[in-house]
């Protein structure tokens, strides 16, 4: 024993300290990342997006369409693409 702590106490304290350090480091780094913001007018541009029916791609489609571009959505399932198209038209217009 070291100073009244067993091996479990030392390992537990080390893990807790490491976890706290990683958490604080992530908070600091993510505060520096910020968000990408662009108001560039894309009217007259044609943009083809793959993977735009869900997740990050869906958000990109909304942003690009809101800035005036014609968006071509390349996806595997036509049904899902049509559903997304309807929801995006409501957001953009």
C-alpha atoms as a PDB file:
ATOM      1  CA  UNK A   1       0.000   0.000   0.000  1.00  0.00           C
ATOM      2  CA  UNK A   2       1.117   3.489  -0.793  1.00  0.00           C
ATOM      3  CA  UNK A   3      -0.024   6.081   1.723  1.00  0.00           C
ATOM      4  CA  UNK A   4      -3.050   4.050   2.749  1.00  0.00           C
ATOM      5  CA  UNK A   5      -4.315   3.547  -0.821  1.00  0.00           C
ATOM      6  CA  UNK A   6      -4.379   0.190  -2.466  1.00  0.00           C
ATOM      7  CA  UNK A   7      -3.653  -0.494  -6.120  1.00  0.00           C
ATOM      8  CA  UNK A   8      -7.369  -0.151  -6.886  1.00  0.00           C
ATOM      9  CA  UNK A   9      -7.436   3.353  -5.406  1.00  0.00           C
ATOM     10  CA  UNK A  10      -4.412   4.457  -7.399  1.00  0.00           C
ATOM     11  CA  UNK A  11      -5.735   3.023 -10.678  1.00  0.00           C
ATOM     12  CA  UNK A  12      -9.204   4.473 -10.058  1.00  0.00           C
ATOM     13  CA  UNK A  13      -7.768   7.907  -9.346  1.00  0.00           C
ATOM     14  CA  UNK A  14      -5.602   7.749 -12.444  1.00  0.00           C
ATOM     15  CA  UNK A  15      -8.547   6.754 -14.642  1.00  0.00           C
ATOM     16  CA  UNK A  16     -10.753   9.484 -13.198  1.00  0.00           C
ATOM     17  CA  UNK A  17      -8.021  12.068 -13.739  1.00  0.00           C
ATOM     18  CA  UNK A  18      -7.471  10.903 -17.309  1.00  0.00           C
ATOM     19  CA  UNK A  19     -11.182  10.991 -18.060  1.00  0.00           C
ATOM     20  CA  UNK A  20     -11.483  14.511 -16.681  1.00  0.00           C
ATOM     21  CA  UNK A  21      -8.450  15.654 -18.683  1.00  0.00           C
ATOM     22  CA  UNK A  22      -9.847  14.207 -21.914  1.00  0.00           C
ATOM     23  CA  UNK A  23     -13.262  15.768 -21.250  1.00  0.00           C
ATOM     24  CA  UNK A  24     -11.788  19.223 -20.658  1.00  0.00           C
ATOM     25  CA  UNK A  25      -9.520  18.913 -23.698  1.00  0.00           C
ATOM     26  CA  UNK A  26     -12.488  17.999 -25.895  1.00  0.00           C
ATOM     27  CA  UNK A  27     -14.502  20.948 -24.579  1.00  0.00           C
ATOM     28  CA  UNK A  28     -11.642  23.309 -25.358  1.00  0.00           C
ATOM     29  CA  UNK A  29     -11.029  21.957 -28.868  1.00  0.00           C
ATOM     30  CA  UNK A  30     -14.715  21.884 -29.808  1.00  0.00           C
ATOM     31  CA  UNK A  31     -15.121  25.495 -28.682  1.00  0.00           C
ATOM     32  CA  UNK A  32     -12.467  26.445 -31.240  1.00  0.00           C
ATOM     33  CA  UNK A  33     -14.077  24.522 -34.104  1.00  0.00           C
ATOM     34  CA  UNK A  34     -17.166  26.672 -34.358  1.00  0.00           C
ATOM     35  CA  UNK A  35     -19.611  26.318 -37.219  1.00  0.00           C
ATOM     36  CA  UNK A  36     -19.158  26.836 -40.912  1.00  0.00           C
ATOM     37  CA  UNK A  37     -21.352  29.697 -42.028  1.00  0.00           C
ATOM     38  CA  UNK A  38     -21.675  30.890 -45.591  1.00  0.00           C
ATOM     39  CA  UNK A  39     -24.278  33.079 -47.244  1.00  0.00           C
ATOM     40  CA  UNK A  40     -22.804  32.779 -50.713  1.00  0.00           C
ATOM     41  CA  UNK A  41     -25.558  32.892 -53.331  1.00  0.00           C
ATOM     42  CA  UNK A  42     -25.621  29.650 -55.319  1.00  0.00           C
ATOM     43  CA  UNK A  43     -28.386  30.624 -57.715  1.00  0.00           C
ATOM     44  CA  UNK A  44     -27.815  29.018 -61.107  1.00  0.00           C
ATOM     45  CA  UNK A  45     -25.440  26.378 -59.713  1.00  0.00           C
ATOM     46  CA  UNK A  46     -26.208  22.639 -59.930  1.00  0.00           C
ATOM     47  CA  UNK A  47     -24.969  20.522 -57.039  1.00  0.00           C
ATOM     48  CA  UNK A  48     -25.023  16.706 -56.983  1.00  0.00           C
ATOM     49  CA  UNK A  49     -25.036  15.230 -53.481  1.00  0.00           C
ATOM     50  CA  UNK A  50     -24.606  11.565 -52.618  1.00  0.00           C
ATOM     51  CA  UNK A  51     -25.764  10.412 -49.209  1.00  0.00           C
ATOM     52  CA  UNK A  52     -28.065  13.371 -48.884  1.00  0.00           C
ATOM     53  CA  UNK A  53     -31.103  11.460 -47.689  1.00  0.00           C
ATOM     54  CA  UNK A  54     -30.008  11.273 -44.033  1.00  0.00           C
ATOM     55  CA  UNK A  55     -27.633  12.690 -41.453  1.00  0.00           C
ATOM     56  CA  UNK A  56     -25.037  15.274 -42.353  1.00  0.00           C
ATOM     57  CA  UNK A  57     -25.809  15.005 -46.075  1.00  0.00           C
ATOM     58  CA  UNK A  58     -29.440  15.948 -45.415  1.00  0.00           C
ATOM     59  CA  UNK A  59     -28.366  19.091 -43.586  1.00  0.00           C
ATOM     60  CA  UNK A  60     -26.023  20.012 -46.436  1.00  0.00           C
ATOM     61  CA  UNK A  61     -28.860  19.602 -48.943  1.00  0.00           C
ATOM     62  CA  UNK A  62     -31.088  21.947 -46.928  1.00  0.00           C
ATOM     63  CA  UNK A  63     -28.383  24.599 -46.678  1.00  0.00           C
ATOM     64  CA  UNK A  64     -27.399  24.474 -50.342  1.00  0.00           C
ATOM     65  CA  UNK A  65     -31.002  24.505 -51.542  1.00  0.00           C
ATOM     66  CA  UNK A  66     -31.791  27.443 -49.255  1.00  0.00           C
ATOM     67  CA  UNK A  67     -28.988  29.389 -50.958  1.00  0.00           C
ATOM     68  CA  UNK A  68     -30.604  28.938 -54.368  1.00  0.00           C
ATOM     69  CA  UNK A  69     -28.770  25.991 -55.951  1.00  0.00           C
ATOM     70  CA  UNK A  70     -30.482  23.258 -57.916  1.00  0.00           C
ATOM     71  CA  UNK A  71     -29.791  20.105 -55.895  1.00  0.00           C
ATOM     72  CA  UNK A  72     -29.595  16.671 -57.502  1.00  0.00           C
ATOM     73  CA  UNK A  73     -29.913  14.002 -54.848  1.00  0.00           C
ATOM     74  CA  UNK A  74     -28.202  10.722 -55.737  1.00  0.00           C
ATOM     75  CA  UNK A  75     -29.544   8.035 -53.409  1.00  0.00           C
ATOM     76  CA  UNK A  76     -30.091   4.288 -53.475  1.00  0.00           C
ATOM     77  CA  UNK A  77     -33.774   4.274 -52.593  1.00  0.00           C
ATOM     78  CA  UNK A  78     -36.054   6.472 -54.678  1.00  0.00           C
ATOM     79  CA  UNK A  79     -38.888   6.322 -52.132  1.00  0.00           C
ATOM     80  CA  UNK A  80     -36.778   7.759 -49.358  1.00  0.00           C
ATOM     81  CA  UNK A  81     -35.413  10.401 -51.706  1.00  0.00           C
ATOM     82  CA  UNK A  82     -38.923  11.527 -52.601  1.00  0.00           C
ATOM     83  CA  UNK A  83     -39.909  11.736 -48.922  1.00  0.00           C
ATOM     84  CA  UNK A  84     -36.873  13.867 -48.177  1.00  0.00           C
ATOM     85  CA  UNK A  85     -37.537  16.074 -51.194  1.00  0.00           C
ATOM     86  CA  UNK A  86     -41.018  16.874 -49.856  1.00  0.00           C
ATOM     87  CA  UNK A  87     -39.698  17.778 -46.388  1.00  0.00           C
ATOM     88  CA  UNK A  88     -36.883  19.913 -47.838  1.00  0.00           C
ATOM     89  CA  UNK A  89     -39.240  21.852 -50.074  1.00  0.00           C
ATOM     90  CA  UNK A  90     -41.232  22.780 -46.969  1.00  0.00           C
ATOM     91  CA  UNK A  91     -38.037  23.990 -45.242  1.00  0.00           C
ATOM     92  CA  UNK A  92     -36.663  25.953 -48.165  1.00  0.00           C
ATOM     93  CA  UNK A  93     -39.830  27.661 -49.403  1.00  0.00           C
END
